[in-house]
Amino acid sequence: MKMLDHCAFNGDADGLCALQQLRLAGELAAGVRLVSGVKRDIGLLDRVQAGPGDRVTVLDIAHEQNRADVARLLDAGARVRYFDHHFAGELPGHAAFESFIDTAVDVCTSLLVDRFLAGRFHRWAVAAAFGDGMAGPARALAERHGLGAADVEALAELGLLLNYNAYGDSLDDLHFDPLALAAELAPYGDPLDFIRHSPSFARLREGYGADMAAAARLEPWRAGEGATLYRLPTEPWARRVSGVLANQLAARDPRRALGLLSARADGDWTFSLRVPADASLEADAFCRGFATGGGRKRAAGINRLPAGALQGFAEAFLRSYH
């Protein structure tokens, strides 16, 4: 029986660039079966069917939300290797489970893959770190490898655009399905060549410019002593910019917690959170207090907030970061 290679990856910059590094290194079979989705579609392993001897590689989706499916795959005889930087909860003590999980605030999944590959494709990791809002680690890695200023800024823009593409209620909101974007990236060993030669890059740049022009008109919805909360309209452009906008607003005012409410097409809301390094409550701890919440220490989110709970949620958020 032929053994199969599977890879489930987050559709954002970090997941895409982690996938690209592993592909270039020959760490994934040429016919690997890929599973992905929009940024907040993280329960990806329920779509993976694997059996004895098959291998499942997981990139940038929280183990906590995929725990039952990890157990199912291991029980079915598959091997699972897990690269991630989100809150993971208890990990399986199974011989076929290989963990590359690190929840430190200065790492993302692509940086963990870069560590695993001893820096062989570091330019992709630099782009991913910028896209994930980790400019400091991105610049540190670029400096370590002697990248010039122009190349660093180009990789920063690529990371931002790849991340921007992943946000939306559904694939219909995106410029590119992450699986299609992964296929566009696949031929390029160097991300700078993708920037120079791919029509997809130009399309992302154009879409981003138009969407951010609309976002520039936003004003805060609520503000407290240590936090600011924005509310975005029910428009596809607003759903697309939510992640990038949250990072930019947080960078503009790094001493305050920044919350961004995005209207879903079905009438409910999603929430993105960025907090300062010295915040009294870490971002993932706040968001995990809600049924669909999770994330990292500095950046987290909630996938669904009922419309009727919005006022109470706003008050709880401002109280938590006073």
C-alpha atoms as a PDB file:
ATOM      1  CA  MET A   1       0.000   0.000   0.000  1.00  0.00           C
ATOM      2  CA  LYS A   2       1.356   3.444  -0.936  1.00  0.00           C
ATOM      3  CA  MET A   3       2.030   5.690   2.044  1.00  0.00           C
ATOM      4  CA  LEU A   4       0.585   9.204   1.770  1.00  0.00           C
ATOM      5  CA  ASP A   5       1.917  12.604   2.812  1.00  0.00           C
ATOM      6  CA  HIS A   6      -0.580  15.149   4.142  1.00  0.00           C
ATOM      7  CA  CYS A   7      -0.055  18.757   5.203  1.00  0.00           C
ATOM      8  CA  ALA A   8      -2.588  20.991   6.951  1.00  0.00           C
ATOM      9  CA  PHE A   9      -1.470  24.624   7.033  1.00  0.00           C
ATOM     10  CA  ASN A  10      -2.895  27.970   8.061  1.00  0.00           C
ATOM     11  CA  GLY A  11      -3.691  30.023   4.970  1.00  0.00           C
ATOM     12  CA  ASP A  12      -1.819  33.104   6.215  1.00  0.00           C
ATOM     13  CA  ALA A  13       1.770  34.243   5.571  1.00  0.00           C
ATOM     14  CA  ASP A  14       3.190  32.105   8.356  1.00  0.00           C
ATOM     15  CA  GLY A  15       1.501  28.913   7.213  1.00  0.00           C
ATOM     16  CA  LEU A  16       2.266  29.492   3.528  1.00  0.00           C
ATOM     17  CA  CYS A  17       5.933  30.318   4.105  1.00  0.00           C
ATOM     18  CA  ALA A  18       6.388  27.387   6.473  1.00  0.00           C
ATOM     19  CA  LEU A  19       4.915  25.105   3.801  1.00  0.00           C
ATOM     20  CA  GLN A  20       7.172  26.614   1.126  1.00  0.00           C
ATOM     21  CA  GLN A  21      10.312  26.067   3.206  1.00  0.00           C
ATOM     22  CA  LEU A  22       9.488  22.417   3.841  1.00  0.00           C
ATOM     23  CA  ARG A  23       8.686  21.849   0.167  1.00  0.00           C
ATOM     24  CA  LEU A  24      11.948  23.395  -0.974  1.00  0.00           C
ATOM     25  CA  ALA A  25      13.852  21.269   1.533  1.00  0.00           C
ATOM     26  CA  GLY A  26      12.267  18.062   0.225  1.00  0.00           C
ATOM     27  CA  GLU A  27      10.540  17.517   3.564  1.00  0.00           C
ATOM     28  CA  LEU A  28       7.172  16.965   1.862  1.00  0.00           C
ATOM     29  CA  ALA A  29       6.443  14.517  -0.928  1.00  0.00           C
ATOM     30  CA  ALA A  30       5.826  15.951  -4.393  1.00  0.00           C
ATOM     31  CA  GLY A  31       2.223  14.737  -4.284  1.00  0.00           C
ATOM     32  CA  VAL A  32       1.498  15.886  -0.746  1.00  0.00           C
ATOM     33  CA  ARG A  33      -2.217  16.312  -0.021  1.00  0.00           C
ATOM     34  CA  LEU A  34      -2.751  19.898   1.158  1.00  0.00           C
ATOM     35  CA  VAL A  35      -5.526  21.200   3.396  1.00  0.00           C
ATOM     36  CA  SER A  36      -6.021  24.878   4.225  1.00  0.00           C
ATOM     37  CA  GLY A  37      -8.602  27.646   4.516  1.00  0.00           C
ATOM     38  CA  VAL A  38      -9.129  31.225   5.620  1.00  0.00           C
ATOM     39  CA  LYS A  39      -7.051  32.528   8.525  1.00  0.00           C
ATOM     40  CA  ARG A  40      -9.537  31.594  11.248  1.00  0.00           C
ATOM     41  CA  ASP A  41     -10.355  28.191   9.775  1.00  0.00           C
ATOM     42  CA  ILE A  42      -8.069  26.262  12.115  1.00  0.00           C
ATOM     43  CA  GLY A  43      -9.960  23.012  12.698  1.00  0.00           C
ATOM     44  CA  LEU A  44      -8.287  21.661   9.595  1.00  0.00           C
ATOM     45  CA  LEU A  45      -7.338  18.183  10.753  1.00  0.00           C
ATOM     46  CA  ASP A  46     -10.938  16.977  10.677  1.00  0.00           C
ATOM     47  CA  ARG A  47     -10.523  16.965   6.863  1.00  0.00           C
ATOM     48  CA  VAL A  48      -7.467  14.714   6.946  1.00  0.00           C
ATOM     49  CA  GLN A  49      -7.902  10.964   6.605  1.00  0.00           C
ATOM     50  CA  ALA A  50      -4.641   9.078   7.155  1.00  0.00           C
ATOM     51  CA  GLY A  51      -3.781   5.494   8.008  1.00  0.00           C
ATOM     52  CA  PRO A  52      -0.865   3.240   8.964  1.00  0.00           C
ATOM     53  CA  GLY A  53       2.462   4.657   7.832  1.00  0.00           C
ATOM     54  CA  ASP A  54       0.997   7.890   6.441  1.00  0.00           C
ATOM     55  CA  ARG A  55       2.544  11.161   7.586  1.00  0.00           C
ATOM     56  CA  VAL A  56       0.647  14.307   8.572  1.00  0.00           C
ATOM     57  CA  THR A  57       2.513  17.617   8.876  1.00  0.00           C
ATOM     58  CA  VAL A  58       0.687  20.422  10.674  1.00  0.00           C
ATOM     59  CA  LEU A  59       1.692  24.071  10.248  1.00  0.00           C
ATOM     60  CA  ASP A  60       0.493  27.060  12.259  1.00  0.00           C
ATOM     61  CA  ILE A  61      -2.824  25.788  13.612  1.00  0.00           C
ATOM     62  CA  ALA A  62      -3.338  25.380  17.347  1.00  0.00           C
ATOM     63  CA  HIS A  63      -3.147  21.860  18.738  1.00  0.00           C
ATOM     64  CA  GLU A  64      -5.744  22.764  21.379  1.00  0.00           C
ATOM     65  CA  GLN A  65      -8.413  23.095  18.664  1.00  0.00           C
ATOM     66  CA  ASN A  66      -7.262  19.948  16.841  1.00  0.00           C
ATOM     67  CA  ARG A  67      -6.607  17.664  19.814  1.00  0.00           C
ATOM     68  CA  ALA A  68      -9.318  15.103  19.057  1.00  0.00           C
ATOM     69  CA  ASP A  69      -8.265  14.759  15.422  1.00  0.00           C
ATOM     70  CA  VAL A  70      -4.589  14.403  16.359  1.00  0.00           C
ATOM     71  CA  ALA A  71      -5.603  11.522  18.633  1.00  0.00           C
ATOM     72  CA  ARG A  72      -7.749  10.032  15.851  1.00  0.00           C
ATOM     73  CA  LEU A  73      -4.883  10.148  13.346  1.00  0.00           C
ATOM     74  CA  LEU A  74      -2.414   8.642  15.803  1.00  0.00           C
ATOM     75  CA  ASP A  75      -4.867   5.876  16.680  1.00  0.00           C
ATOM     76  CA  ALA A  76      -5.258   5.169  12.949  1.00  0.00           C
ATOM     77  CA  GLY A  77      -1.520   4.537  12.673  1.00  0.00           C
ATOM     78  CA  ALA A  78      -0.410   7.831  11.098  1.00  0.00           C
ATOM     79  CA  ARG A  79       2.668   9.804  12.115  1.00  0.00           C
ATOM     80  CA  VAL A  80       2.060  13.453  13.064  1.00  0.00           C
ATOM     81  CA  ARG A  81       4.654  16.228  13.231  1.00  0.00           C
ATOM     82  CA  TYR A  82       3.462  19.558  14.522  1.00  0.00           C
ATOM     83  CA  PHE A  83       5.017  23.008  13.934  1.00  0.00           C
ATOM     84  CA  ASP A  84       3.176  25.778  15.763  1.00  0.00           C
ATOM     85  CA  HIS A  85       3.476  28.729  18.160  1.00  0.00           C
ATOM     86  CA  HIS A  86      -0.051  29.016  19.585  1.00  0.00           C
ATOM     87  CA  PHE A  87      -1.308  27.801  22.947  1.00  0.00           C
ATOM     88  CA  ALA A  88      -1.280  24.019  22.615  1.00  0.00           C
ATOM     89  CA  GLY A  89      -2.620  22.538  25.836  1.00  0.00           C
ATOM     90  CA  GLU A  90      -1.553  19.033  26.787  1.00  0.00           C
ATOM     91  CA  LEU A  91       0.343  17.223  24.036  1.00  0.00           C
ATOM     92  CA  PRO A  92      -0.002  13.505  23.287  1.00  0.00           C
ATOM     93  CA  GLY A  93       2.643  11.208  24.710  1.00  0.00           C
ATOM     94  CA  HIS A  94       2.758   9.056  21.605  1.00  0.00           C
ATOM     95  CA  ALA A  95       5.827   7.717  19.817  1.00  0.00           C
ATOM     96  CA  ALA A  96       4.410   8.774  16.448  1.00  0.00           C
ATOM     97  CA  PHE A  97       3.841  12.390  17.534  1.00  0.00           C
ATOM     98  CA  GLU A  98       6.714  14.799  16.889  1.00  0.00           C
ATOM     99  CA  SER A  99       6.364  18.266  18.392  1.00  0.00           C
ATOM    100  CA  PHE A 100       8.033  21.449  17.150  1.00  0.00           C
ATOM    101  CA  ILE A 101       5.757  23.675  19.218  1.00  0.00           C
ATOM    102  CA  ASP A 102       7.155  26.792  20.887  1.00  0.00           C
ATOM    103  CA  THR A 103       4.848  29.458  22.324  1.00  0.00           C
ATOM    104  CA  ALA A 104       7.530  32.084  23.030  1.00  0.00           C
ATOM    105  CA  VAL A 105       6.446  35.590  22.026  1.00  0.00           C
ATOM    106  CA  ASP A 106       9.334  36.055  19.576  1.00  0.00           C
ATOM    107  CA  VAL A 107       8.735  33.048  17.328  1.00  0.00           C
ATOM    108  CA  CYS A 108       6.255  32.161  14.616  1.00  0.00           C
ATOM    109  CA  THR A 109       5.795  28.853  12.821  1.00  0.00           C
ATOM    110  CA  SER A 110       8.016  29.798   9.887  1.00  0.00           C
ATOM    111  CA  LEU A 111      10.804  30.750  12.295  1.00  0.00           C
ATOM    112  CA  LEU A 112      10.439  27.309  13.903  1.00  0.00           C
ATOM    113  CA  VAL A 113      10.680  25.694  10.463  1.00  0.00           C
ATOM    114  CA  ASP A 114      13.701  27.896   9.701  1.00  0.00           C
ATOM    115  CA  ARG A 115      15.280  26.584  12.917  1.00  0.00           C
ATOM    116  CA  PHE A 116      14.438  23.006  11.912  1.00  0.00           C
ATOM    117  CA  LEU A 117      16.043  23.524   8.472  1.00  0.00           C
ATOM    118  CA  ALA A 118      19.091  25.360   9.872  1.00  0.00           C
ATOM    119  CA  GLY A 119      18.277  28.537   7.931  1.00  0.00           C
ATOM    120  CA  ARG A 120      18.355  27.019   4.442  1.00  0.00           C
ATOM    121  CA  PHE A 121      15.418  29.117   3.175  1.00  0.00           C
ATOM    122  CA  HIS A 122      15.568  31.995   5.621  1.00  0.00           C
ATOM    123  CA  ARG A 123      14.141  34.610   3.243  1.00  0.00           C
ATOM    124  CA  TRP A 124      10.763  32.886   3.396  1.00  0.00           C
ATOM    125  CA  ALA A 125      10.950  32.923   7.199  1.00  0.00           C
ATOM    126  CA  VAL A 126      11.775  36.643   7.191  1.00  0.00           C
ATOM    127  CA  ALA A 127       8.700  37.369   5.048  1.00  0.00           C
ATOM    128  CA  ALA A 128       6.512  35.222   7.308  1.00  0.00           C
ATOM    129  CA  ALA A 129       7.682  36.900  10.508  1.00  0.00           C
ATOM    130  CA  PHE A 130       6.927  40.332   9.060  1.00  0.00           C
ATOM    131  CA  GLY A 131       3.500  39.085   7.970  1.00  0.00           C
ATOM    132  CA  ASP A 132       2.795  37.750  11.456  1.00  0.00           C
ATOM    133  CA  GLY A 133       3.512  41.157  13.005  1.00  0.00           C
ATOM    134  CA  MET A 134       6.972  40.186  14.313  1.00  0.00           C
ATOM    135  CA  ALA A 135       9.127  42.901  12.783  1.00  0.00           C
ATOM    136  CA  GLY A 136      11.839  42.601  15.446  1.00  0.00           C
ATOM    137  CA  PRO A 137      12.522  38.870  14.957  1.00  0.00           C
ATOM    138  CA  ALA A 138      12.177  39.332  11.174  1.00  0.00           C
ATOM    139  CA  ARG A 139      14.843  42.045  11.067  1.00  0.00           C
ATOM    140  CA  ALA A 140      17.087  40.086  13.426  1.00  0.00           C
ATOM    141  CA  LEU A 141      16.967  37.044  11.140  1.00  0.00           C
ATOM    142  CA  ALA A 142      17.560  39.214   8.074  1.00  0.00           C
ATOM    143  CA  GLU A 143      20.577  40.858   9.719  1.00  0.00           C
ATOM    144  CA  ARG A 144      21.982  37.482  10.729  1.00  0.00           C
ATOM    145  CA  HIS A 145      22.002  36.465   7.074  1.00  0.00           C
ATOM    146  CA  GLY A 146      23.276  39.796   5.756  1.00  0.00           C
ATOM    147  CA  LEU A 147      20.193  40.818   3.781  1.00  0.00           C
ATOM    148  CA  GLY A 148      20.262  44.349   2.375  1.00  0.00           C
ATOM    149  CA  ALA A 149      17.750  47.019   3.335  1.00  0.00           C
ATOM    150  CA  ALA A 150      15.900  46.948  -0.004  1.00  0.00           C
ATOM    151  CA  ASP A 151      15.468  43.173   0.121  1.00  0.00           C
ATOM    152  CA  VAL A 152      14.259  43.327   3.722  1.00  0.00           C
ATOM    153  CA  GLU A 153      11.600  45.895   2.856  1.00  0.00           C
ATOM    154  CA  ALA A 154      10.485  43.819  -0.130  1.00  0.00           C
ATOM    155  CA  LEU A 155      10.128  40.726   2.075  1.00  0.00           C
ATOM    156  CA  ALA A 156       8.217  42.795   4.634  1.00  0.00           C
ATOM    157  CA  GLU A 157       5.711  43.809   1.961  1.00  0.00           C
ATOM    158  CA  LEU A 158       5.379  40.220   0.749  1.00  0.00           C
ATOM    159  CA  GLY A 159       4.671  38.972   4.266  1.00  0.00           C
ATOM    160  CA  LEU A 160       2.094  41.677   4.816  1.00  0.00           C
ATOM    161  CA  LEU A 161       0.311  40.889   1.532  1.00  0.00           C
ATOM    162  CA  LEU A 162       0.299  37.120   2.075  1.00  0.00           C
ATOM    163  CA  ASN A 163      -1.165  37.682   5.535  1.00  0.00           C
ATOM    164  CA  TYR A 164      -3.723  40.165   4.235  1.00  0.00           C
ATOM    165  CA  ASN A 165      -4.965  37.620   1.708  1.00  0.00           C
ATOM    166  CA  ALA A 166      -5.934  35.096   4.398  1.00  0.00           C
ATOM    167  CA  TYR A 167      -8.570  37.147   6.214  1.00  0.00           C
ATOM    168  CA  GLY A 168     -12.257  36.754   5.465  1.00  0.00           C
ATOM    169  CA  ASP A 169     -15.425  34.945   6.487  1.00  0.00           C
ATOM    170  CA  SER A 170     -15.047  32.514   3.627  1.00  0.00           C
ATOM    171  CA  LEU A 171     -12.858  31.826   0.614  1.00  0.00           C
ATOM    172  CA  ASP A 172     -15.150  34.107  -1.413  1.00  0.00           C
ATOM    173  CA  ASP A 173     -13.788  37.105   0.527  1.00  0.00           C
ATOM    174  CA  LEU A 174     -10.180  36.356  -0.452  1.00  0.00           C
ATOM    175  CA  HIS A 175      -8.291  37.368  -3.562  1.00  0.00           C
ATOM    176  CA  PHE A 176      -6.750  33.864  -3.667  1.00  0.00           C
ATOM    177  CA  ASP A 177      -7.703  30.533  -2.123  1.00  0.00           C
ATOM    178  CA  PRO A 178      -4.643  29.657   0.038  1.00  0.00           C
ATOM    179  CA  LEU A 179      -4.274  26.380  -1.863  1.00  0.00           C
ATOM    180  CA  ALA A 180      -4.064  28.333  -5.128  1.00  0.00           C
ATOM    181  CA  LEU A 181      -1.602  30.776  -3.587  1.00  0.00           C
ATOM    182  CA  ALA A 182       0.535  27.882  -2.329  1.00  0.00           C
ATOM    183  CA  ALA A 183       0.633  26.590  -5.909  1.00  0.00           C
ATOM    184  CA  GLU A 184       1.674  30.046  -7.149  1.00  0.00           C
ATOM    185  CA  LEU A 185       4.533  30.166  -4.622  1.00  0.00           C
ATOM    186  CA  ALA A 186       5.727  26.590  -5.219  1.00  0.00           C
ATOM    187  CA  PRO A 187       8.082  27.200  -8.195  1.00  0.00           C
ATOM    188  CA  TYR A 188      10.000  29.981  -6.443  1.00  0.00           C
ATOM    189  CA  GLY A 189      13.066  29.119  -4.388  1.00  0.00           C
ATOM    190  CA  ASP A 190      13.585  32.795  -3.607  1.00  0.00           C
ATOM    191  CA  PRO A 191      10.633  34.947  -2.487  1.00  0.00           C
ATOM    192  CA  LEU A 192      12.267  37.969  -4.137  1.00  0.00           C
ATOM    193  CA  ASP A 193      11.760  36.245  -7.507  1.00  0.00           C
ATOM    194  CA  PHE A 194       8.068  35.774  -6.700  1.00  0.00           C
ATOM    195  CA  ILE A 195       7.857  39.503  -5.947  1.00  0.00           C
ATOM    196  CA  ARG A 196       9.568  40.435  -9.212  1.00  0.00           C
ATOM    197  CA  HIS A 197       7.831  38.047 -11.582  1.00  0.00           C
ATOM    198  CA  SER A 198       4.452  36.843 -10.279  1.00  0.00           C
ATOM    199  CA  PRO A 199       1.244  38.570 -11.475  1.00  0.00           C
ATOM    200  CA  SER A 200      -0.323  37.309  -8.233  1.00  0.00           C
ATOM    201  CA  PHE A 201       1.917  39.585  -6.198  1.00  0.00           C
ATOM    202  CA  ALA A 202       0.837  42.599  -8.254  1.00  0.00           C
ATOM    203  CA  ARG A 203      -2.826  41.664  -7.777  1.00  0.00           C
ATOM    204  CA  LEU A 204      -2.401  41.409  -4.007  1.00  0.00           C
ATOM    205  CA  ARG A 205      -0.629  44.763  -3.862  1.00  0.00           C
ATOM    206  CA  GLU A 206      -3.427  46.454  -5.815  1.00  0.00           C
ATOM    207  CA  GLY A 207      -6.182  44.913  -3.680  1.00  0.00           C
ATOM    208  CA  TYR A 208      -4.409  45.806  -0.467  1.00  0.00           C
ATOM    209  CA  GLY A 209      -4.014  49.445  -1.497  1.00  0.00           C
ATOM    210  CA  ALA A 210      -7.706  49.809  -2.291  1.00  0.00           C
ATOM    211  CA  ASP A 211      -8.847  48.114   0.927  1.00  0.00           C
ATOM    212  CA  MET A 212      -6.517  50.095   3.192  1.00  0.00           C
ATOM    213  CA  ALA A 213      -7.676  53.351   1.632  1.00  0.00           C
ATOM    214  CA  ALA A 214     -11.185  52.470   2.808  1.00  0.00           C
ATOM    215  CA  ALA A 215      -9.856  51.490   6.267  1.00  0.00           C
ATOM    216  CA  ALA A 216      -8.109  54.851   6.707  1.00  0.00           C
ATOM    217  CA  ARG A 217     -11.479  56.466   7.447  1.00  0.00           C
ATOM    218  CA  LEU A 218     -12.109  54.364  10.578  1.00  0.00           C
ATOM    219  CA  GLU A 219     -12.451  55.943  14.034  1.00  0.00           C
ATOM    220  CA  PRO A 220     -12.318  54.156  17.437  1.00  0.00           C
ATOM    221  CA  TRP A 221     -15.660  52.805  18.657  1.00  0.00           C
ATOM    222  CA  ARG A 222     -14.756  52.614  22.365  1.00  0.00           C
ATOM    223  CA  ALA A 223     -11.679  53.633  24.367  1.00  0.00           C
ATOM    224  CA  GLY A 224     -10.565  53.173  27.954  1.00  0.00           C
ATOM    225  CA  GLU A 225      -7.538  53.941  30.056  1.00  0.00           C
ATOM    226  CA  GLY A 226      -5.382  51.211  28.523  1.00  0.00           C
ATOM    227  CA  ALA A 227      -7.324  49.919  25.518  1.00  0.00           C
ATOM    228  CA  THR A 228      -8.927  50.980  22.254  1.00  0.00           C
ATOM    229  CA  LEU A 229     -11.678  49.096  20.443  1.00  0.00           C
ATOM    230  CA  TYR A 230     -12.563  49.502  16.769  1.00  0.00           C
ATOM    231  CA  ARG A 231     -15.652  48.184  14.982  1.00  0.00           C
ATOM    232  CA  LEU A 232     -15.494  47.425  11.267  1.00  0.00           C
ATOM    233  CA  PRO A 233     -18.478  47.472   8.873  1.00  0.00           C
ATOM    234  CA  THR A 234     -20.086  44.479   7.168  1.00  0.00           C
ATOM    235  CA  GLU A 235     -18.061  44.696   3.974  1.00  0.00           C
ATOM    236  CA  PRO A 236     -15.670  42.223   2.288  1.00  0.00           C
ATOM    237  CA  TRP A 237     -12.853  44.807   2.330  1.00  0.00           C
ATOM    238  CA  ALA A 238     -13.241  45.193   6.086  1.00  0.00           C
ATOM    239  CA  ARG A 239     -13.042  41.442   6.644  1.00  0.00           C
ATOM    240  CA  ARG A 240      -9.930  41.288   4.455  1.00  0.00           C
ATOM    241  CA  VAL A 241      -8.022  44.053   6.263  1.00  0.00           C
ATOM    242  CA  SER A 242      -8.846  43.011   9.826  1.00  0.00           C
ATOM    243  CA  GLY A 243      -5.595  41.202  10.625  1.00  0.00           C
ATOM    244  CA  VAL A 244      -3.206  43.617   8.942  1.00  0.00           C
ATOM    245  CA  LEU A 245      -5.085  46.600  10.337  1.00  0.00           C
ATOM    246  CA  ALA A 246      -4.914  45.194  13.873  1.00  0.00           C
ATOM    247  CA  ASN A 247      -1.137  44.827  13.570  1.00  0.00           C
ATOM    248  CA  GLN A 248      -0.731  48.348  12.184  1.00  0.00           C
ATOM    249  CA  LEU A 249      -2.932  50.006  14.797  1.00  0.00           C
ATOM    250  CA  ALA A 250      -1.119  48.142  17.577  1.00  0.00           C
ATOM    251  CA  ALA A 251       2.275  49.218  16.205  1.00  0.00           C
ATOM    252  CA  ARG A 252       1.055  52.827  16.098  1.00  0.00           C
ATOM    253  CA  ASP A 253       0.141  52.776  19.819  1.00  0.00           C
ATOM    254  CA  PRO A 254       2.192  49.932  21.372  1.00  0.00           C
ATOM    255  CA  ARG A 255       1.435  50.776  25.010  1.00  0.00           C
ATOM    256  CA  ARG A 256      -2.285  50.052  24.693  1.00  0.00           C
ATOM    257  CA  ALA A 257      -4.329  46.918  24.043  1.00  0.00           C
ATOM    258  CA  LEU A 258      -5.948  47.071  20.615  1.00  0.00           C
ATOM    259  CA  GLY A 259      -9.212  45.288  19.844  1.00  0.00           C
ATOM    260  CA  LEU A 260     -10.807  45.026  16.425  1.00  0.00           C
ATOM    261  CA  LEU A 261     -14.377  43.798  15.925  1.00  0.00           C
ATOM    262  CA  SER A 262     -15.194  42.613  12.416  1.00  0.00           C
ATOM    263  CA  ALA A 263     -18.766  42.105  11.244  1.00  0.00           C
ATOM    264  CA  ARG A 264     -19.433  38.649   9.824  1.00  0.00           C
ATOM    265  CA  ALA A 265     -21.719  38.195   6.853  1.00  0.00           C
ATOM    266  CA  ASP A 266     -24.128  36.199   9.085  1.00  0.00           C
ATOM    267  CA  GLY A 267     -24.628  39.075  11.559  1.00  0.00           C
ATOM    268  CA  ASP A 268     -22.249  37.929  14.288  1.00  0.00           C
ATOM    269  CA  TRP A 269     -18.734  39.277  14.910  1.00  0.00           C
ATOM    270  CA  THR A 270     -15.114  38.187  15.039  1.00  0.00           C
ATOM    271  CA  PHE A 271     -12.529  39.795  17.285  1.00  0.00           C
ATOM    272  CA  SER A 272      -8.787  40.407  16.895  1.00  0.00           C
ATOM    273  CA  LEU A 273      -6.627  41.406  19.860  1.00  0.00           C
ATOM    274  CA  ARG A 274      -3.093  42.781  20.156  1.00  0.00           C
ATOM    275  CA  VAL A 275      -1.604  43.553  23.592  1.00  0.00           C
ATOM    276  CA  PRO A 276       1.649  45.168  24.805  1.00  0.00           C
ATOM    277  CA  ALA A 277       4.549  43.007  25.984  1.00  0.00           C
ATOM    278  CA  ASP A 278       3.885  43.988  29.607  1.00  0.00           C
ATOM    279  CA  ALA A 279       0.092  43.563  29.517  1.00  0.00           C
ATOM    280  CA  SER A 280      -1.364  42.283  32.770  1.00  0.00           C
ATOM    281  CA  LEU A 281      -3.470  39.762  30.817  1.00  0.00           C
ATOM    282  CA  GLU A 282      -2.022  37.933  27.832  1.00  0.00           C
ATOM    283  CA  ALA A 283      -4.031  38.045  24.613  1.00  0.00           C
ATOM    284  CA  ASP A 284      -4.647  34.295  24.358  1.00  0.00           C
ATOM    285  CA  ALA A 285      -5.733  34.147  28.010  1.00  0.00           C
ATOM    286  CA  PHE A 286      -8.397  36.798  27.396  1.00  0.00           C
ATOM    287  CA  CYS A 287      -9.650  35.226  24.176  1.00  0.00           C
ATOM    288  CA  ARG A 288      -9.721  31.679  25.551  1.00  0.00           C
ATOM    289  CA  GLY A 289     -12.344  32.932  27.993  1.00  0.00           C
ATOM    290  CA  PHE A 290     -14.778  32.740  25.065  1.00  0.00           C
ATOM    291  CA  ALA A 291     -15.975  29.603  23.301  1.00  0.00           C
ATOM    292  CA  THR A 292     -14.205  30.176  19.978  1.00  0.00           C
ATOM    293  CA  GLY A 293     -11.179  32.095  21.252  1.00  0.00           C
ATOM    294  CA  GLY A 294      -7.470  31.322  21.111  1.00  0.00           C
ATOM    295  CA  GLY A 295      -4.128  32.541  19.853  1.00  0.00           C
ATOM    296  CA  ARG A 296      -0.790  33.723  21.204  1.00  0.00           C
ATOM    297  CA  LYS A 297       0.449  35.767  24.154  1.00  0.00           C
ATOM    298  CA  ARG A 298       0.613  39.044  22.234  1.00  0.00           C
ATOM    299  CA  ALA A 299      -1.938  38.388  19.456  1.00  0.00           C
ATOM    300  CA  ALA A 300      -5.163  36.389  19.643  1.00  0.00           C
ATOM    301  CA  GLY A 301      -8.750  36.338  18.469  1.00  0.00           C
ATOM    302  CA  ILE A 302     -12.293  35.073  18.847  1.00  0.00           C
ATOM    303  CA  ASN A 303     -13.954  33.498  15.824  1.00  0.00           C
ATOM    304  CA  ARG A 304     -17.565  34.213  16.736  1.00  0.00           C
ATOM    305  CA  LEU A 305     -19.256  36.691  19.071  1.00  0.00           C
ATOM    306  CA  PRO A 306     -23.075  36.867  19.017  1.00  0.00           C
ATOM    307  CA  ALA A 307     -24.343  40.271  17.921  1.00  0.00           C
ATOM    308  CA  GLY A 308     -26.440  40.608  21.068  1.00  0.00           C
ATOM    309  CA  ALA A 309     -23.404  40.205  23.311  1.00  0.00           C
ATOM    310  CA  LEU A 310     -21.396  43.027  21.768  1.00  0.00           C
ATOM    311  CA  GLN A 311     -22.047  45.747  24.342  1.00  0.00           C
ATOM    312  CA  GLY A 312     -21.235  43.488  27.285  1.00  0.00           C
ATOM    313  CA  PHE A 313     -18.146  42.195  25.513  1.00  0.00           C
ATOM    314  CA  ALA A 314     -16.869  45.742  24.921  1.00  0.00           C
ATOM    315  CA  GLU A 315     -17.227  46.542  28.615  1.00  0.00           C
ATOM    316  CA  ALA A 316     -15.414  43.327  29.612  1.00  0.00           C
ATOM    317  CA  PHE A 317     -12.587  44.101  27.202  1.00  0.00           C
ATOM    318  CA  LEU A 318     -12.060  47.631  28.511  1.00  0.00           C
ATOM    319  CA  ARG A 319     -12.156  46.388  32.124  1.00  0.00           C
ATOM    320  CA  SER A 320      -9.543  43.730  31.371  1.00  0.00           C
ATOM    321  CA  TYR A 321      -7.048  46.277  30.016  1.00  0.00           C
ATOM    322  CA  HIS A 322      -7.535  49.337  32.206  1.00  0.00           C
END
